[in-house]
Each structure stands twice: as C-alpha cells, then as structure tokens.
Amino acid sequence: MGERADRLGEILDRAETVHGVVTQKTGGADPDWALFYAWWLLNWSDFTDVVGRTLSLAELTVELTRLDAAYRSGPRDQPWPRTYAVSLLGSEA
C-alpha cells in the first residue's frame, strides 16, 4: 500500500478513536455514525488533502455507508481503515 493510503488509513483510525469517545459519552450505538465520520473527516482532518478531491458531506456519508456494507458482507483481509482508504483512493492507492 502506498504512502497516501497509509496516511488515509491513519486518518480513518483517528476518526474511529474520536467517534468512540463521543459514543461512550452518549451511551453507545450511533445510527448516524457515517454522518459523524464524514463531518469529522471533512472538518477536522487532512482527509481532503490526502484524497485529493473535495466531497460534500452527503457524498462522503453515502460513500462511507457503502464501504461499510461492502466490508461487512465480504472477506475481511485487512482492517477496515485500510480497506476504506484503498477504496477511497481508487487507482491512486
């Protein structure tokens, strides 16, 4: 995996950590997790710089939801942040 995919995987790991703190304080499950991740990624990380394109909040929320469904239904050869990073970067990974 390339440097950009590694960096994006790290950013997604950080988003998971932040989301974990929030859900712990709110009592657990978060049905709007993808919206939270998208908001955090776009506003509090280097996501856009690393990905090299600008996504809207809605676009990224939908993409994260799609990636989650694909990850849950298929073989899990890598941790989800790496799988998502490679997918988000496409041929640039």
N, C-alpha and C. Protein backbone atom coordinates (compact mmCIF):
# COMPACT_ATOMS: atom_id res chain seq x y z
N MET A 1 0.84 -1.18 0.00
CA MET A 1 0.00 0.00 0.00
C MET A 1 0.89 1.23 0.00
N GLY A 2 0.46 2.26 -0.70
CA GLY A 2 1.24 3.47 -0.83
C GLY A 2 1.15 4.39 0.36
N GLU A 3 1.96 5.41 0.31
CA GLU A 3 2.04 6.38 1.39
C GLU A 3 0.70 7.09 1.64
N ARG A 4 0.02 7.47 0.55
CA ARG A 4 -1.28 8.15 0.71
C ARG A 4 -2.31 7.23 1.36
N ALA A 5 -2.33 5.97 0.97
CA ALA A 5 -3.27 5.03 1.57
C ALA A 5 -2.94 4.81 3.05
N ASP A 6 -1.66 4.75 3.38
CA ASP A 6 -1.25 4.62 4.78
C ASP A 6 -1.73 5.83 5.57
N ARG A 7 -1.51 7.01 5.02
CA ARG A 7 -1.92 8.25 5.71
C ARG A 7 -3.44 8.30 5.87
N LEU A 8 -4.17 7.94 4.83
CA LEU A 8 -5.63 7.97 4.92
C LEU A 8 -6.11 6.93 5.93
N GLY A 9 -5.48 5.78 5.98
CA GLY A 9 -5.81 4.78 6.98
C GLY A 9 -5.62 5.32 8.39
N GLU A 10 -4.55 6.07 8.61
CA GLU A 10 -4.29 6.69 9.91
C GLU A 10 -5.38 7.71 10.25
N ILE A 11 -5.80 8.48 9.27
CA ILE A 11 -6.86 9.47 9.49
C ILE A 11 -8.16 8.76 9.87
N LEU A 12 -8.48 7.68 9.18
CA LEU A 12 -9.69 6.92 9.50
C LEU A 12 -9.59 6.28 10.88
N ASP A 13 -8.41 5.81 11.26
CA ASP A 13 -8.20 5.30 12.62
C ASP A 13 -8.49 6.37 13.66
N ARG A 14 -8.01 7.57 13.40
CA ARG A 14 -8.24 8.69 14.33
C ARG A 14 -9.72 9.02 14.42
N ALA A 15 -10.41 8.99 13.29
CA ALA A 15 -11.86 9.24 13.30
C ALA A 15 -12.56 8.21 14.18
N GLU A 16 -12.12 6.97 14.09
CA GLU A 16 -12.71 5.91 14.92
C GLU A 16 -12.49 6.20 16.40
N THR A 17 -11.30 6.65 16.74
CA THR A 17 -11.00 6.97 18.14
C THR A 17 -11.88 8.10 18.64
N VAL A 18 -12.00 9.16 17.86
CA VAL A 18 -12.83 10.30 18.24
C VAL A 18 -14.29 9.87 18.36
N HIS A 19 -14.76 9.11 17.41
CA HIS A 19 -16.14 8.64 17.45
C HIS A 19 -16.38 7.77 18.68
N GLY A 20 -15.40 6.95 19.04
CA GLY A 20 -15.53 6.12 20.23
C GLY A 20 -15.72 6.93 21.49
N VAL A 21 -15.00 8.03 21.61
CA VAL A 21 -15.14 8.91 22.77
C VAL A 21 -16.54 9.49 22.80
N VAL A 22 -17.02 9.94 21.67
CA VAL A 22 -18.35 10.54 21.59
C VAL A 22 -19.43 9.52 21.93
N THR A 23 -19.36 8.33 21.33
CA THR A 23 -20.41 7.33 21.60
C THR A 23 -20.37 6.84 23.03
N GLN A 24 -19.19 6.83 23.63
CA GLN A 24 -19.10 6.45 25.03
C GLN A 24 -19.87 7.45 25.90
N LYS A 25 -19.74 8.72 25.57
CA LYS A 25 -20.40 9.76 26.34
C LYS A 25 -21.91 9.80 26.08
N THR A 26 -22.34 9.30 24.92
CA THR A 26 -23.77 9.34 24.58
C THR A 26 -24.46 8.01 24.82
N GLY A 27 -23.74 7.02 25.33
CA GLY A 27 -24.38 5.78 25.70
C GLY A 27 -24.26 4.63 24.72
N GLY A 28 -23.43 4.75 23.72
CA GLY A 28 -23.20 3.58 22.87
C GLY A 28 -23.53 3.75 21.42
N ALA A 29 -24.44 2.96 20.93
CA ALA A 29 -24.74 2.87 19.50
C ALA A 29 -25.04 4.24 18.87
N ASP A 30 -24.59 4.40 17.65
CA ASP A 30 -24.82 5.64 16.91
C ASP A 30 -25.29 5.30 15.50
N PRO A 31 -26.61 5.35 15.27
CA PRO A 31 -27.12 5.03 13.94
C PRO A 31 -26.66 6.03 12.87
N ASP A 32 -26.20 7.19 13.29
CA ASP A 32 -25.74 8.21 12.35
C ASP A 32 -24.22 8.27 12.29
N TRP A 33 -23.56 7.14 12.56
CA TRP A 33 -22.11 7.11 12.62
C TRP A 33 -21.47 7.65 11.34
N ALA A 34 -22.02 7.29 10.17
CA ALA A 34 -21.40 7.71 8.91
C ALA A 34 -21.42 9.23 8.76
N LEU A 35 -22.48 9.85 9.21
CA LEU A 35 -22.57 11.31 9.17
C LEU A 35 -21.52 11.93 10.10
N PHE A 36 -21.36 11.37 11.29
CA PHE A 36 -20.34 11.88 12.21
C PHE A 36 -18.95 11.75 11.60
N TYR A 37 -18.63 10.56 11.09
CA TYR A 37 -17.32 10.34 10.48
C TYR A 37 -17.09 11.32 9.34
N ALA A 38 -18.08 11.45 8.45
CA ALA A 38 -17.93 12.35 7.31
C ALA A 38 -17.68 13.79 7.78
N TRP A 39 -18.47 14.23 8.74
CA TRP A 39 -18.31 15.59 9.27
C TRP A 39 -16.91 15.78 9.86
N TRP A 40 -16.48 14.83 10.67
CA TRP A 40 -15.16 14.94 11.30
C TRP A 40 -14.07 14.90 10.24
N LEU A 41 -14.16 13.98 9.30
CA LEU A 41 -13.13 13.86 8.26
C LEU A 41 -13.00 15.15 7.45
N LEU A 42 -14.13 15.75 7.12
CA LEU A 42 -14.10 16.95 6.28
C LEU A 42 -13.70 18.20 7.05
N ASN A 43 -13.99 18.25 8.34
CA ASN A 43 -13.76 19.47 9.11
C ASN A 43 -12.57 19.44 10.06
N TRP A 44 -12.11 18.27 10.45
CA TRP A 44 -11.10 18.18 11.49
C TRP A 44 -9.88 17.35 11.11
N SER A 45 -9.76 17.00 9.85
CA SER A 45 -8.62 16.18 9.44
C SER A 45 -8.08 16.66 8.10
N ASP A 46 -7.03 15.99 7.65
CA ASP A 46 -6.44 16.28 6.34
C ASP A 46 -7.03 15.40 5.23
N PHE A 47 -8.22 14.87 5.46
CA PHE A 47 -8.86 13.96 4.53
C PHE A 47 -8.85 14.48 3.09
N THR A 48 -9.35 15.68 2.89
CA THR A 48 -9.46 16.24 1.53
C THR A 48 -8.09 16.36 0.87
N ASP A 49 -7.10 16.80 1.62
CA ASP A 49 -5.75 16.92 1.07
C ASP A 49 -5.19 15.56 0.66
N VAL A 50 -5.41 14.56 1.49
CA VAL A 50 -4.87 13.23 1.21
C VAL A 50 -5.61 12.57 0.05
N VAL A 51 -6.93 12.70 0.04
CA VAL A 51 -7.72 12.09 -1.04
C VAL A 51 -7.52 12.84 -2.36
N GLY A 52 -7.28 14.14 -2.27
CA GLY A 52 -7.02 14.92 -3.47
C GLY A 52 -8.27 15.37 -4.22
N ARG A 53 -9.39 15.30 -3.55
CA ARG A 53 -10.64 15.79 -4.15
C ARG A 53 -11.57 16.20 -3.03
N THR A 54 -12.51 17.06 -3.36
CA THR A 54 -13.45 17.55 -2.37
C THR A 54 -14.77 16.81 -2.52
N LEU A 55 -15.21 16.24 -1.44
CA LEU A 55 -16.51 15.57 -1.40
C LEU A 55 -17.43 16.39 -0.50
N SER A 56 -18.70 16.40 -0.81
CA SER A 56 -19.65 17.05 0.08
C SER A 56 -19.90 16.14 1.27
N LEU A 57 -20.50 16.69 2.30
CA LEU A 57 -20.85 15.91 3.47
C LEU A 57 -21.76 14.74 3.08
N ALA A 58 -22.74 15.02 2.25
CA ALA A 58 -23.67 13.97 1.81
C ALA A 58 -22.95 12.89 1.00
N GLU A 59 -22.09 13.30 0.09
CA GLU A 59 -21.36 12.32 -0.74
C GLU A 59 -20.49 11.40 0.11
N LEU A 60 -19.78 11.98 1.06
CA LEU A 60 -18.90 11.18 1.89
C LEU A 60 -19.70 10.27 2.83
N THR A 61 -20.81 10.76 3.35
CA THR A 61 -21.66 9.94 4.20
C THR A 61 -22.17 8.72 3.44
N VAL A 62 -22.64 8.93 2.22
CA VAL A 62 -23.12 7.83 1.39
C VAL A 62 -21.97 6.86 1.07
N GLU A 63 -20.81 7.39 0.74
CA GLU A 63 -19.66 6.54 0.41
C GLU A 63 -19.22 5.70 1.61
N LEU A 64 -19.19 6.29 2.79
CA LEU A 64 -18.82 5.53 3.99
C LEU A 64 -19.84 4.44 4.29
N THR A 65 -21.10 4.73 4.09
CA THR A 65 -22.15 3.73 4.29
C THR A 65 -22.00 2.59 3.30
N ARG A 66 -21.70 2.92 2.05
CA ARG A 66 -21.49 1.89 1.02
C ARG A 66 -20.27 1.04 1.36
N LEU A 67 -19.18 1.68 1.76
CA LEU A 67 -17.97 0.94 2.12
C LEU A 67 -18.21 0.02 3.31
N ASP A 68 -18.99 0.49 4.28
CA ASP A 68 -19.30 -0.33 5.44
C ASP A 68 -20.08 -1.58 5.04
N ALA A 69 -21.08 -1.41 4.19
CA ALA A 69 -21.88 -2.56 3.75
C ALA A 69 -21.02 -3.56 2.99
N ALA A 70 -20.15 -3.07 2.13
CA ALA A 70 -19.28 -3.96 1.36
C ALA A 70 -18.29 -4.67 2.27
N TYR A 71 -17.75 -3.96 3.24
CA TYR A 71 -16.78 -4.55 4.16
C TYR A 71 -17.43 -5.64 5.00
N ARG A 72 -18.63 -5.37 5.49
CA ARG A 72 -19.33 -6.34 6.34
C ARG A 72 -19.76 -7.59 5.57
N SER A 73 -20.01 -7.45 4.29
CA SER A 73 -20.52 -8.58 3.51
C SER A 73 -19.43 -9.41 2.84
N GLY A 74 -18.22 -8.89 2.79
CA GLY A 74 -17.15 -9.59 2.08
C GLY A 74 -16.08 -10.12 3.01
N PRO A 75 -15.04 -10.69 2.44
CA PRO A 75 -13.91 -11.15 3.26
C PRO A 75 -13.18 -9.96 3.87
N ARG A 76 -12.74 -10.12 5.07
CA ARG A 76 -12.06 -9.04 5.80
C ARG A 76 -10.59 -9.37 5.91
N ASP A 77 -9.87 -9.11 4.83
CA ASP A 77 -8.45 -9.42 4.79
C ASP A 77 -7.58 -8.37 5.49
N GLN A 78 -8.12 -7.17 5.63
CA GLN A 78 -7.39 -6.06 6.23
C GLN A 78 -8.31 -5.35 7.21
N PRO A 79 -7.77 -4.58 8.14
CA PRO A 79 -8.62 -3.75 9.00
C PRO A 79 -9.43 -2.78 8.13
N TRP A 80 -10.61 -2.41 8.62
CA TRP A 80 -11.49 -1.57 7.81
C TRP A 80 -10.84 -0.26 7.38
N PRO A 81 -10.05 0.43 8.22
CA PRO A 81 -9.48 1.70 7.74
C PRO A 81 -8.62 1.53 6.48
N ARG A 82 -7.86 0.46 6.40
CA ARG A 82 -7.02 0.22 5.21
C ARG A 82 -7.89 -0.10 4.00
N THR A 83 -8.90 -0.91 4.21
CA THR A 83 -9.80 -1.27 3.11
C THR A 83 -10.50 -0.02 2.57
N TYR A 84 -11.01 0.80 3.46
CA TYR A 84 -11.70 2.03 3.05
C TYR A 84 -10.73 2.97 2.35
N ALA A 85 -9.51 3.10 2.90
CA ALA A 85 -8.53 4.01 2.31
C ALA A 85 -8.22 3.63 0.88
N VAL A 86 -7.98 2.35 0.64
CA VAL A 86 -7.67 1.88 -0.70
C VAL A 86 -8.84 2.16 -1.64
N SER A 87 -10.05 1.91 -1.17
CA SER A 87 -11.22 2.15 -1.99
C SER A 87 -11.42 3.64 -2.28
N LEU A 88 -11.26 4.48 -1.27
CA LEU A 88 -11.44 5.92 -1.47
C LEU A 88 -10.42 6.51 -2.42
N LEU A 89 -9.22 5.97 -2.41
CA LEU A 89 -8.18 6.47 -3.29
C LEU A 89 -8.24 5.85 -4.69
N GLY A 90 -8.91 4.71 -4.81
CA GLY A 90 -9.03 4.05 -6.10
C GLY A 90 -7.69 3.66 -6.67
N SER A 91 -7.47 3.96 -7.92
CA SER A 91 -6.24 3.55 -8.60
C SER A 91 -5.02 4.32 -8.09
N GLU A 92 -5.25 5.36 -7.28
CA GLU A 92 -4.14 6.16 -6.75
C GLU A 92 -3.57 5.58 -5.46
N ALA A 93 -4.19 4.50 -4.95
CA ALA A 93 -3.72 3.90 -3.69
C ALA A 93 -2.40 3.31 -3.90
